């Protein structure tokens, strides 16, 4: 283990700073209404049906992994965070940024297999 925070540890740290409200977002398909306005194919009458994307709730919930991962918990956000910290440390300590960044990418160059 090197001097850089591991992805899983970083993800847990960021998750602690998120409120429960941050894990839900408005359904784009029904625009948060929970239902869709359709017209009947046979008579043309307007009907309201529950949104099949959010099951009529009007919002969706982020997960820690999978296809709805929270934008603040992605591997890309982790890389951005660590690179920002490396830049600050290099300015403070007068280290060569490319050397330190190269060390980080040697340790963490590939994403964990479940996040590919």
Foldseek 3Di string as FASTA:
>chain_A
DDDDDDLVVVLVVVVVVDDQVLFKDFDPVCRQQQWDWDADPPPRHIDIDGDPVPRSRRMDGADCADDRHRPCSAPVVVLVVRLVVLVVVCVVVVDDSVVVVVVVCVVCVDDDPRRD
